[in-house]
Amino acid sequence: MGLRQHFRFSSTSQEAVLEVFRGFSEVANLDERGAFVVFSQLDGAEFSFDCELVEDGIVSERAGGYFTFLGMFLEALTGTFGPVTVEDV
């Protein structure tokens, strides 16, 4: 795939994280698979942004032209859950 990173933040539940993810329906396709979620492009550059919901945040693997989406993704996470740390895995 591509770049793999761990996004750590405080959340009350996986459902709370999924609610944030569902808010992206106007900017990306969302395929929910339980604790796994895959975002892909609606328009523009092709990308795949896979997320696994884990106890302390999200482990993501992504490829393609995801940069614009990543900015909106981080803004949504910090706006909802506060500070987010990101590390390569």
PDB file of N, CA and C in Angstrom:
ATOM      1  N   MET A   1       0.850  -1.176   0.000  1.00  0.00           N
ATOM      2  CA  MET A   1       0.000   0.000   0.000  1.00  0.00           C
ATOM      3  C   MET A   1       0.887   1.226   0.000  1.00  0.00           C
ATOM      4  N   GLY A   2       1.083   1.894   1.126  1.00  0.00           N
ATOM      5  CA  GLY A   2       1.845   3.129   1.161  1.00  0.00           C
ATOM      6  C   GLY A   2       2.265   3.459   2.570  1.00  0.00           C
ATOM      7  N   LEU A   3       2.119   4.703   2.944  1.00  0.00           N
ATOM      8  CA  LEU A   3       2.531   5.194   4.252  1.00  0.00           C
ATOM      9  C   LEU A   3       1.627   4.649   5.352  1.00  0.00           C
ATOM     10  N   ARG A   4       2.228   4.121   6.413  1.00  0.00           N
ATOM     11  CA  ARG A   4       1.476   3.581   7.555  1.00  0.00           C
ATOM     12  C   ARG A   4       1.805   4.424   8.792  1.00  0.00           C
ATOM     13  N   GLN A   5       0.758   4.947   9.448  1.00  0.00           N
ATOM     14  CA  GLN A   5       0.949   5.783  10.630  1.00  0.00           C
ATOM     15  C   GLN A   5      -0.105   5.479  11.682  1.00  0.00           C
ATOM     16  N   HIS A   6       0.265   5.799  12.931  1.00  0.00           N
ATOM     17  CA  HIS A   6      -0.643   5.648  14.064  1.00  0.00           C
ATOM     18  C   HIS A   6      -1.044   7.047  14.528  1.00  0.00           C
ATOM     19  N   PHE A   7      -2.342   7.332  14.490  1.00  0.00           N
ATOM     20  CA  PHE A   7      -2.899   8.591  14.980  1.00  0.00           C
ATOM     21  C   PHE A   7      -3.434   8.313  16.381  1.00  0.00           C
ATOM     22  N   ARG A   8      -2.857   8.956  17.398  1.00  0.00           N
ATOM     23  CA  ARG A   8      -3.295   8.735  18.782  1.00  0.00           C
ATOM     24  C   ARG A   8      -4.089   9.941  19.268  1.00  0.00           C
ATOM     25  N   PHE A   9      -5.234   9.661  19.891  1.00  0.00           N
ATOM     26  CA  PHE A   9      -6.074  10.710  20.453  1.00  0.00           C
ATOM     27  C   PHE A   9      -7.035  10.073  21.444  1.00  0.00           C
ATOM     28  N   SER A  10      -7.697  10.907  22.232  1.00  0.00           N
ATOM     29  CA  SER A  10      -8.661  10.423  23.227  1.00  0.00           C
ATOM     30  C   SER A  10     -10.053  10.464  22.639  1.00  0.00           C
ATOM     31  N   SER A  11     -10.728   9.319  22.693  1.00  0.00           N
ATOM     32  CA  SER A  11     -12.096   9.220  22.194  1.00  0.00           C
ATOM     33  C   SER A  11     -12.937   8.472  23.209  1.00  0.00           C
ATOM     34  N   THR A  12     -14.223   8.780  23.252  1.00  0.00           N
ATOM     35  CA  THR A  12     -15.110   8.094  24.180  1.00  0.00           C
ATOM     36  C   THR A  12     -15.483   6.700  23.682  1.00  0.00           C
ATOM     37  N   SER A  13     -15.487   6.492  22.358  1.00  0.00           N
ATOM     38  CA  SER A  13     -15.863   5.185  21.813  1.00  0.00           C
ATOM     39  C   SER A  13     -15.516   5.107  20.332  1.00  0.00           C
ATOM     40  N   GLN A  14     -15.508   3.898  19.806  1.00  0.00           N
ATOM     41  CA  GLN A  14     -15.317   3.719  18.370  1.00  0.00           C
ATOM     42  C   GLN A  14     -16.478   4.336  17.604  1.00  0.00           C
ATOM     43  N   GLU A  15     -17.669   4.283  18.168  1.00  0.00           N
ATOM     44  CA  GLU A  15     -18.833   4.867  17.500  1.00  0.00           C
ATOM     45  C   GLU A  15     -18.654   6.376  17.338  1.00  0.00           C
ATOM     46  N   ALA A  16     -18.041   7.040  18.323  1.00  0.00           N
ATOM     47  CA  ALA A  16     -17.783   8.480  18.215  1.00  0.00           C
ATOM     48  C   ALA A  16     -16.836   8.772  17.053  1.00  0.00           C
ATOM     49  N   VAL A  17     -15.829   7.920  16.882  1.00  0.00           N
ATOM     50  CA  VAL A  17     -14.888   8.085  15.766  1.00  0.00           C
ATOM     51  C   VAL A  17     -15.615   7.843  14.441  1.00  0.00           C
ATOM     52  N   LEU A  18     -16.434   6.820  14.386  1.00  0.00           N
ATOM     53  CA  LEU A  18     -17.180   6.530  13.159  1.00  0.00           C
ATOM     54  C   LEU A  18     -18.116   7.673  12.797  1.00  0.00           C
ATOM     55  N   GLU A  19     -18.698   8.333  13.773  1.00  0.00           N
ATOM     56  CA  GLU A  19     -19.565   9.481  13.493  1.00  0.00           C
ATOM     57  C   GLU A  19     -18.774  10.604  12.821  1.00  0.00           C
ATOM     58  N   VAL A  20     -17.553  10.836  13.277  1.00  0.00           N
ATOM     59  CA  VAL A  20     -16.701  11.833  12.624  1.00  0.00           C
ATOM     60  C   VAL A  20     -16.423  11.394  11.190  1.00  0.00           C
ATOM     61  N   PHE A  21     -16.083  10.134  11.008  1.00  0.00           N
ATOM     62  CA  PHE A  21     -15.791   9.612   9.668  1.00  0.00           C
ATOM     63  C   PHE A  21     -16.991   9.767   8.738  1.00  0.00           C
ATOM     64  N   ARG A  22     -18.168   9.534   9.249  1.00  0.00           N
ATOM     65  CA  ARG A  22     -19.378   9.645   8.416  1.00  0.00           C
ATOM     66  C   ARG A  22     -19.604  11.075   7.941  1.00  0.00           C
ATOM     67  N   GLY A  23     -19.021  12.033   8.618  1.00  0.00           N
ATOM     68  CA  GLY A  23     -19.124  13.428   8.216  1.00  0.00           C
ATOM     69  C   GLY A  23     -18.365  13.754   6.940  1.00  0.00           C
ATOM     70  N   PHE A  24     -17.570  12.819   6.447  1.00  0.00           N
ATOM     71  CA  PHE A  24     -16.790  13.033   5.226  1.00  0.00           C
ATOM     72  C   PHE A  24     -17.524  12.595   3.971  1.00  0.00           C
ATOM     73  N   SER A  25     -18.799  12.293   4.065  1.00  0.00           N
ATOM     74  CA  SER A  25     -19.535  11.732   2.934  1.00  0.00           C
ATOM     75  C   SER A  25     -19.567  12.653   1.718  1.00  0.00           C
ATOM     76  N   GLU A  26     -19.376  13.941   1.912  1.00  0.00           N
ATOM     77  CA  GLU A  26     -19.383  14.869   0.778  1.00  0.00           C
ATOM     78  C   GLU A  26     -18.022  15.039   0.128  1.00  0.00           C
ATOM     79  N   VAL A  27     -16.964  14.527   0.787  1.00  0.00           N
ATOM     80  CA  VAL A  27     -15.623  14.692   0.227  1.00  0.00           C
ATOM     81  C   VAL A  27     -14.933  13.378  -0.120  1.00  0.00           C
ATOM     82  N   ALA A  28     -15.447  12.250   0.391  1.00  0.00           N
ATOM     83  CA  ALA A  28     -14.824  10.953   0.108  1.00  0.00           C
ATOM     84  C   ALA A  28     -15.853   9.838   0.260  1.00  0.00           C
ATOM     85  N   ASN A  29     -15.628   8.771  -0.482  1.00  0.00           N
ATOM     86  CA  ASN A  29     -16.430   7.567  -0.287  1.00  0.00           C
ATOM     87  C   ASN A  29     -15.992   6.914   1.020  1.00  0.00           C
ATOM     88  N   LEU A  30     -16.932   6.320   1.726  1.00  0.00           N
ATOM     89  CA  LEU A  30     -16.648   5.660   3.000  1.00  0.00           C
ATOM     90  C   LEU A  30     -17.182   4.242   2.940  1.00  0.00           C
ATOM     91  N   ASP A  31     -16.302   3.289   3.204  1.00  0.00           N
ATOM     92  CA  ASP A  31     -16.678   1.882   3.252  1.00  0.00           C
ATOM     93  C   ASP A  31     -16.382   1.384   4.662  1.00  0.00           C
ATOM     94  N   GLU A  32     -17.434   1.202   5.469  1.00  0.00           N
ATOM     95  CA  GLU A  32     -17.278   0.737   6.844  1.00  0.00           C
ATOM     96  C   GLU A  32     -17.270  -0.776   6.878  1.00  0.00           C
ATOM     97  N   ARG A  33     -16.292  -1.313   7.583  1.00  0.00           N
ATOM     98  CA  ARG A  33     -16.147  -2.767   7.733  1.00  0.00           C
ATOM     99  C   ARG A  33     -15.865  -3.089   9.192  1.00  0.00           C
ATOM    100  N   GLY A  34     -16.768  -2.704  10.082  1.00  0.00           N
ATOM    101  CA  GLY A  34     -16.539  -2.901  11.516  1.00  0.00           C
ATOM    102  C   GLY A  34     -15.471  -1.948  12.002  1.00  0.00           C
ATOM    103  N   ALA A  35     -14.380  -2.505  12.553  1.00  0.00           N
ATOM    104  CA  ALA A  35     -13.280  -1.674  13.055  1.00  0.00           C
ATOM    105  C   ALA A  35     -12.354  -1.199  11.934  1.00  0.00           C
ATOM    106  N   PHE A  36     -12.662  -1.555  10.702  1.00  0.00           N
ATOM    107  CA  PHE A  36     -11.873  -1.110   9.553  1.00  0.00           C
ATOM    108  C   PHE A  36     -12.730  -0.194   8.690  1.00  0.00           C
ATOM    109  N   VAL A  37     -12.118   0.886   8.237  1.00  0.00           N
ATOM    110  CA  VAL A  37     -12.809   1.866   7.408  1.00  0.00           C
ATOM    111  C   VAL A  37     -11.891   2.214   6.247  1.00  0.00           C
ATOM    112  N   VAL A  38     -12.469   2.316   5.056  1.00  0.00           N
ATOM    113  CA  VAL A  38     -11.681   2.694   3.880  1.00  0.00           C
ATOM    114  C   VAL A  38     -12.321   3.926   3.248  1.00  0.00           C
ATOM    115  N   PHE A  39     -11.517   4.975   3.112  1.00  0.00           N
ATOM    116  CA  PHE A  39     -11.927   6.170   2.384  1.00  0.00           C
ATOM    117  C   PHE A  39     -11.314   6.099   1.000  1.00  0.00           C
ATOM    118  N   SER A  40     -12.047   6.595   0.005  1.00  0.00           N
ATOM    119  CA  SER A  40     -11.500   6.728  -1.346  1.00  0.00           C
ATOM    120  C   SER A  40     -12.103   7.975  -1.980  1.00  0.00           C
ATOM    121  N   GLN A  41     -11.536   8.384  -3.103  1.00  0.00           N
ATOM    122  CA  GLN A  41     -11.902   9.649  -3.737  1.00  0.00           C
ATOM    123  C   GLN A  41     -13.328   9.647  -4.264  1.00  0.00           C
ATOM    124  N   LEU A  42     -13.969  10.785  -4.150  1.00  0.00           N
ATOM    125  CA  LEU A  42     -15.207  11.045  -4.884  1.00  0.00           C
ATOM    126  C   LEU A  42     -14.854  11.660  -6.222  1.00  0.00           C
ATOM    127  N   ASP A  43     -14.020  12.689  -6.178  1.00  0.00           N
ATOM    128  CA  ASP A  43     -13.548  13.406  -7.361  1.00  0.00           C
ATOM    129  C   ASP A  43     -12.072  13.700  -7.178  1.00  0.00           C
ATOM    130  N   GLY A  44     -11.418  14.058  -8.240  1.00  0.00           N
ATOM    131  CA  GLY A  44     -10.033  14.483  -8.149  1.00  0.00           C
ATOM    132  C   GLY A  44      -9.060  13.318  -8.109  1.00  0.00           C
ATOM    133  N   ALA A  45      -7.937  13.554  -7.440  1.00  0.00           N
ATOM    134  CA  ALA A  45      -6.847  12.586  -7.403  1.00  0.00           C
ATOM    135  C   ALA A  45      -7.286  11.285  -6.727  1.00  0.00           C
ATOM    136  N   GLU A  46      -6.867  10.170  -7.306  1.00  0.00           N
ATOM    137  CA  GLU A  46      -7.192   8.873  -6.726  1.00  0.00           C
ATOM    138  C   GLU A  46      -6.400   8.655  -5.446  1.00  0.00           C
ATOM    139  N   PHE A  47      -7.070   8.126  -4.426  1.00  0.00           N
ATOM    140  CA  PHE A  47      -6.381   7.772  -3.196  1.00  0.00           C
ATOM    141  C   PHE A  47      -7.149   6.675  -2.473  1.00  0.00           C
ATOM    142  N   SER A  48      -6.434   6.016  -1.591  1.00  0.00           N
ATOM    143  CA  SER A  48      -7.030   5.059  -0.675  1.00  0.00           C
ATOM    144  C   SER A  48      -6.479   5.380   0.700  1.00  0.00           C
ATOM    145  N   PHE A  49      -7.363   5.457   1.687  1.00  0.00           N
ATOM    146  CA  PHE A  49      -6.997   5.841   3.045  1.00  0.00           C
ATOM    147  C   PHE A  49      -7.677   4.830   3.966  1.00  0.00           C
ATOM    148  N   ASP A  50      -6.934   3.781   4.343  1.00  0.00           N
ATOM    149  CA  ASP A  50      -7.474   2.708   5.175  1.00  0.00           C
ATOM    150  C   ASP A  50      -7.226   3.015   6.639  1.00  0.00           C
ATOM    151  N   CYS A  51      -8.230   2.803   7.470  1.00  0.00           N
ATOM    152  CA  CYS A  51      -8.115   3.059   8.902  1.00  0.00           C
ATOM    153  C   CYS A  51      -8.558   1.846   9.694  1.00  0.00           C
ATOM    154  N   GLU A  52      -7.770   1.494  10.703  1.00  0.00           N
ATOM    155  CA  GLU A  52      -8.178   0.491  11.673  1.00  0.00           C
ATOM    156  C   GLU A  52      -8.386   1.214  12.996  1.00  0.00           C
ATOM    157  N   LEU A  53      -9.574   1.133  13.554  1.00  0.00           N
ATOM    158  CA  LEU A  53      -9.853   1.759  14.831  1.00  0.00           C
ATOM    159  C   LEU A  53      -9.248   0.894  15.924  1.00  0.00           C
ATOM    160  N   VAL A  54      -8.380   1.492  16.721  1.00  0.00           N
ATOM    161  CA  VAL A  54      -7.716   0.799  17.824  1.00  0.00           C
ATOM    162  C   VAL A  54      -8.021   1.549  19.110  1.00  0.00           C
ATOM    163  N   GLU A  55      -7.645   0.972  20.232  1.00  0.00           N
ATOM    164  CA  GLU A  55      -8.005   1.523  21.542  1.00  0.00           C
ATOM    165  C   GLU A  55      -7.606   2.984  21.728  1.00  0.00           C
ATOM    166  N   ASP A  56      -6.440   3.363  21.241  1.00  0.00           N
ATOM    167  CA  ASP A  56      -5.961   4.730  21.481  1.00  0.00           C
ATOM    168  C   ASP A  56      -5.972   5.594  20.225  1.00  0.00           C
ATOM    169  N   GLY A  57      -6.782   5.236  19.229  1.00  0.00           N
ATOM    170  CA  GLY A  57      -6.872   6.069  18.030  1.00  0.00           C
ATOM    171  C   GLY A  57      -7.102   5.259  16.773  1.00  0.00           C
ATOM    172  N   ILE A  58      -6.239   5.496  15.781  1.00  0.00           N
ATOM    173  CA  ILE A  58      -6.393   4.893  14.454  1.00  0.00           C
ATOM    174  C   ILE A  58      -5.021   4.510  13.925  1.00  0.00           C
ATOM    175  N   VAL A  59      -4.927   3.349  13.306  1.00  0.00           N
ATOM    176  CA  VAL A  59      -3.751   2.997  12.524  1.00  0.00           C
ATOM    177  C   VAL A  59      -4.181   3.110  11.071  1.00  0.00           C
ATOM    178  N   SER A  60      -3.440   3.906  10.309  1.00  0.00           N
ATOM    179  CA  SER A  60      -3.824   4.209   8.934  1.00  0.00           C
ATOM    180  C   SER A  60      -2.742   3.783   7.957  1.00  0.00           C
ATOM    181  N   GLU A  61      -3.183   3.309   6.822  1.00  0.00           N
ATOM    182  CA  GLU A  61      -2.285   3.042   5.704  1.00  0.00           C
ATOM    183  C   GLU A  61      -2.917   3.697   4.487  1.00  0.00           C
ATOM    184  N   ARG A  62      -2.129   4.454   3.743  1.00  0.00           N
ATOM    185  CA  ARG A  62      -2.725   5.227   2.659  1.00  0.00           C
ATOM    186  C   ARG A  62      -1.767   5.370   1.483  1.00  0.00           C
ATOM    187  N   ALA A  63      -2.374   5.660   0.336  1.00  0.00           N
ATOM    188  CA  ALA A  63      -1.585   5.813  -0.887  1.00  0.00           C
ATOM    189  C   ALA A  63      -2.340   6.700  -1.858  1.00  0.00           C
ATOM    190  N   GLY A  64      -1.626   7.252  -2.804  1.00  0.00           N
ATOM    191  CA  GLY A  64      -2.231   8.082  -3.835  1.00  0.00           C
ATOM    192  C   GLY A  64      -2.278   9.541  -3.425  1.00  0.00           C
ATOM    193  N   GLY A  65      -3.196  10.283  -4.025  1.00  0.00           N
ATOM    194  CA  GLY A  65      -3.307  11.724  -3.801  1.00  0.00           C
ATOM    195  C   GLY A  65      -4.206  12.074  -2.622  1.00  0.00           C
ATOM    196  N   TYR A  66      -3.813  11.655  -1.440  1.00  0.00           N
ATOM    197  CA  TYR A  66      -4.633  11.815  -0.234  1.00  0.00           C
ATOM    198  C   TYR A  66      -4.368  13.107   0.535  1.00  0.00           C
ATOM    199  N   PHE A  67      -3.478  13.969   0.094  1.00  0.00           N
ATOM    200  CA  PHE A  67      -3.019  15.097   0.898  1.00  0.00           C
ATOM    201  C   PHE A  67      -4.126  16.068   1.286  1.00  0.00           C
ATOM    202  N   THR A  68      -4.996  16.418   0.378  1.00  0.00           N
ATOM    203  CA  THR A  68      -6.106  17.320   0.712  1.00  0.00           C
ATOM    204  C   THR A  68      -7.015  16.658   1.731  1.00  0.00           C
ATOM    205  N   PHE A  69      -7.321  15.389   1.519  1.00  0.00           N
ATOM    206  CA  PHE A  69      -8.166  14.658   2.457  1.00  0.00           C
ATOM    207  C   PHE A  69      -7.519  14.593   3.835  1.00  0.00           C
ATOM    208  N   LEU A  70      -6.211  14.365   3.901  1.00  0.00           N
ATOM    209  CA  LEU A  70      -5.504  14.267   5.180  1.00  0.00           C
ATOM    210  C   LEU A  70      -5.664  15.545   5.998  1.00  0.00           C
ATOM    211  N   GLY A  71      -5.595  16.703   5.350  1.00  0.00           N
ATOM    212  CA  GLY A  71      -5.776  17.960   6.064  1.00  0.00           C
ATOM    213  C   GLY A  71      -7.160  18.057   6.696  1.00  0.00           C
ATOM    214  N   MET A  72      -8.186  17.712   5.949  1.00  0.00           N
ATOM    215  CA  MET A  72      -9.553  17.744   6.484  1.00  0.00           C
ATOM    216  C   MET A  72      -9.727  16.694   7.582  1.00  0.00           C
ATOM    217  N   PHE A  73      -9.108  15.534   7.399  1.00  0.00           N
ATOM    218  CA  PHE A  73      -9.165  14.447   8.360  1.00  0.00           C
ATOM    219  C   PHE A  73      -8.588  14.893   9.703  1.00  0.00           C
ATOM    220  N   LEU A  74      -7.403  15.484   9.679  1.00  0.00           N
ATOM    221  CA  LEU A  74      -6.768  15.950  10.916  1.00  0.00           C
ATOM    222  C   LEU A  74      -7.565  17.069  11.580  1.00  0.00           C
ATOM    223  N   GLU A  75      -8.087  17.996  10.805  1.00  0.00           N
ATOM    224  CA  GLU A  75      -8.908  19.069  11.375  1.00  0.00           C
ATOM    225  C   GLU A  75     -10.143  18.508  12.065  1.00  0.00           C
ATOM    226  N   ALA A  76     -10.779  17.507  11.464  1.00  0.00           N
ATOM    227  CA  ALA A  76     -11.960  16.892  12.072  1.00  0.00           C
ATOM    228  C   ALA A  76     -11.595  16.173  13.364  1.00  0.00           C
ATOM    229  N   LEU A  77     -10.472  15.448  13.370  1.00  0.00           N
ATOM    230  CA  LEU A  77     -10.068  14.740  14.585  1.00  0.00           C
ATOM    231  C   LEU A  77      -9.720  15.702  15.709  1.00  0.00           C
ATOM    232  N   THR A  78      -8.906  16.706  15.416  1.00  0.00           N
ATOM    233  CA  THR A  78      -8.523  17.646  16.482  1.00  0.00           C
ATOM    234  C   THR A  78      -9.703  18.483  16.938  1.00  0.00           C
ATOM    235  N   GLY A  79     -10.585  18.840  16.024  1.00  0.00           N
ATOM    236  CA  GLY A  79     -11.757  19.627  16.385  1.00  0.00           C
ATOM    237  C   GLY A  79     -12.731  18.857  17.261  1.00  0.00           C
ATOM    238  N   THR A  80     -12.739  17.546  17.146  1.00  0.00           N
ATOM    239  CA  THR A  80     -13.650  16.718  17.925  1.00  0.00           C
ATOM    240  C   THR A  80     -13.003  16.136  19.173  1.00  0.00           C
ATOM    241  N   PHE A  81     -11.771  15.652  19.045  1.00  0.00           N
ATOM    242  CA  PHE A  81     -11.140  14.909  20.140  1.00  0.00           C
ATOM    243  C   PHE A  81      -9.966  15.625  20.799  1.00  0.00           C
ATOM    244  N   GLY A  82      -9.580  16.785  20.305  1.00  0.00           N
ATOM    245  CA  GLY A  82      -8.438  17.496  20.891  1.00  0.00           C
ATOM    246  C   GLY A  82      -7.135  17.073  20.245  1.00  0.00           C
ATOM    247  N   PRO A  83      -6.036  17.144  20.998  1.00  0.00           N
ATOM    248  CA  PRO A  83      -4.717  16.859  20.428  1.00  0.00           C
ATOM    249  C   PRO A  83      -4.609  15.473  19.787  1.00  0.00           C
ATOM    250  N   VAL A  84      -3.899  15.426  18.666  1.00  0.00           N
ATOM    251  CA  VAL A  84      -3.637  14.186  17.944  1.00  0.00           C
ATOM    252  C   VAL A  84      -2.132  14.093  17.748  1.00  0.00           C
ATOM    253  N   THR A  85      -1.546  12.945  18.093  1.00  0.00           N
ATOM    254  CA  THR A  85      -0.145  12.693  17.770  1.00  0.00           C
ATOM    255  C   THR A  85      -0.087  11.671  16.652  1.00  0.00           C
ATOM    256  N   VAL A  86       0.916  11.812  15.807  1.00  0.00           N
ATOM    257  CA  VAL A  86       1.067  10.940  14.653  1.00  0.00           C
ATOM    258  C   VAL A  86       2.484  10.389  14.644  1.00  0.00           C
ATOM    259  N   GLU A  87       2.582   9.061  14.475  1.00  0.00           N
ATOM    260  CA  GLU A  87       3.912   8.453  14.366  1.00  0.00           C
ATOM    261  C   GLU A  87       3.907   7.381  13.299  1.00  0.00           C
ATOM    262  N   ASP A  88       5.039   7.226  12.618  1.00  0.00           N
ATOM    263  CA  ASP A  88       5.188   6.190  11.603  1.00  0.00           C
ATOM    264  C   ASP A  88       5.262   4.823  12.281  1.00  0.00           C
ATOM    265  N   VAL A  89       4.674   3.828  11.636  1.00  0.00           N
ATOM    266  CA  VAL A  89       4.768   2.447  12.147  1.00  0.00           C
ATOM    267  C   VAL A  89       5.239   1.538  11.038  1.00  0.00           C
TER     268      VAL A  89
END
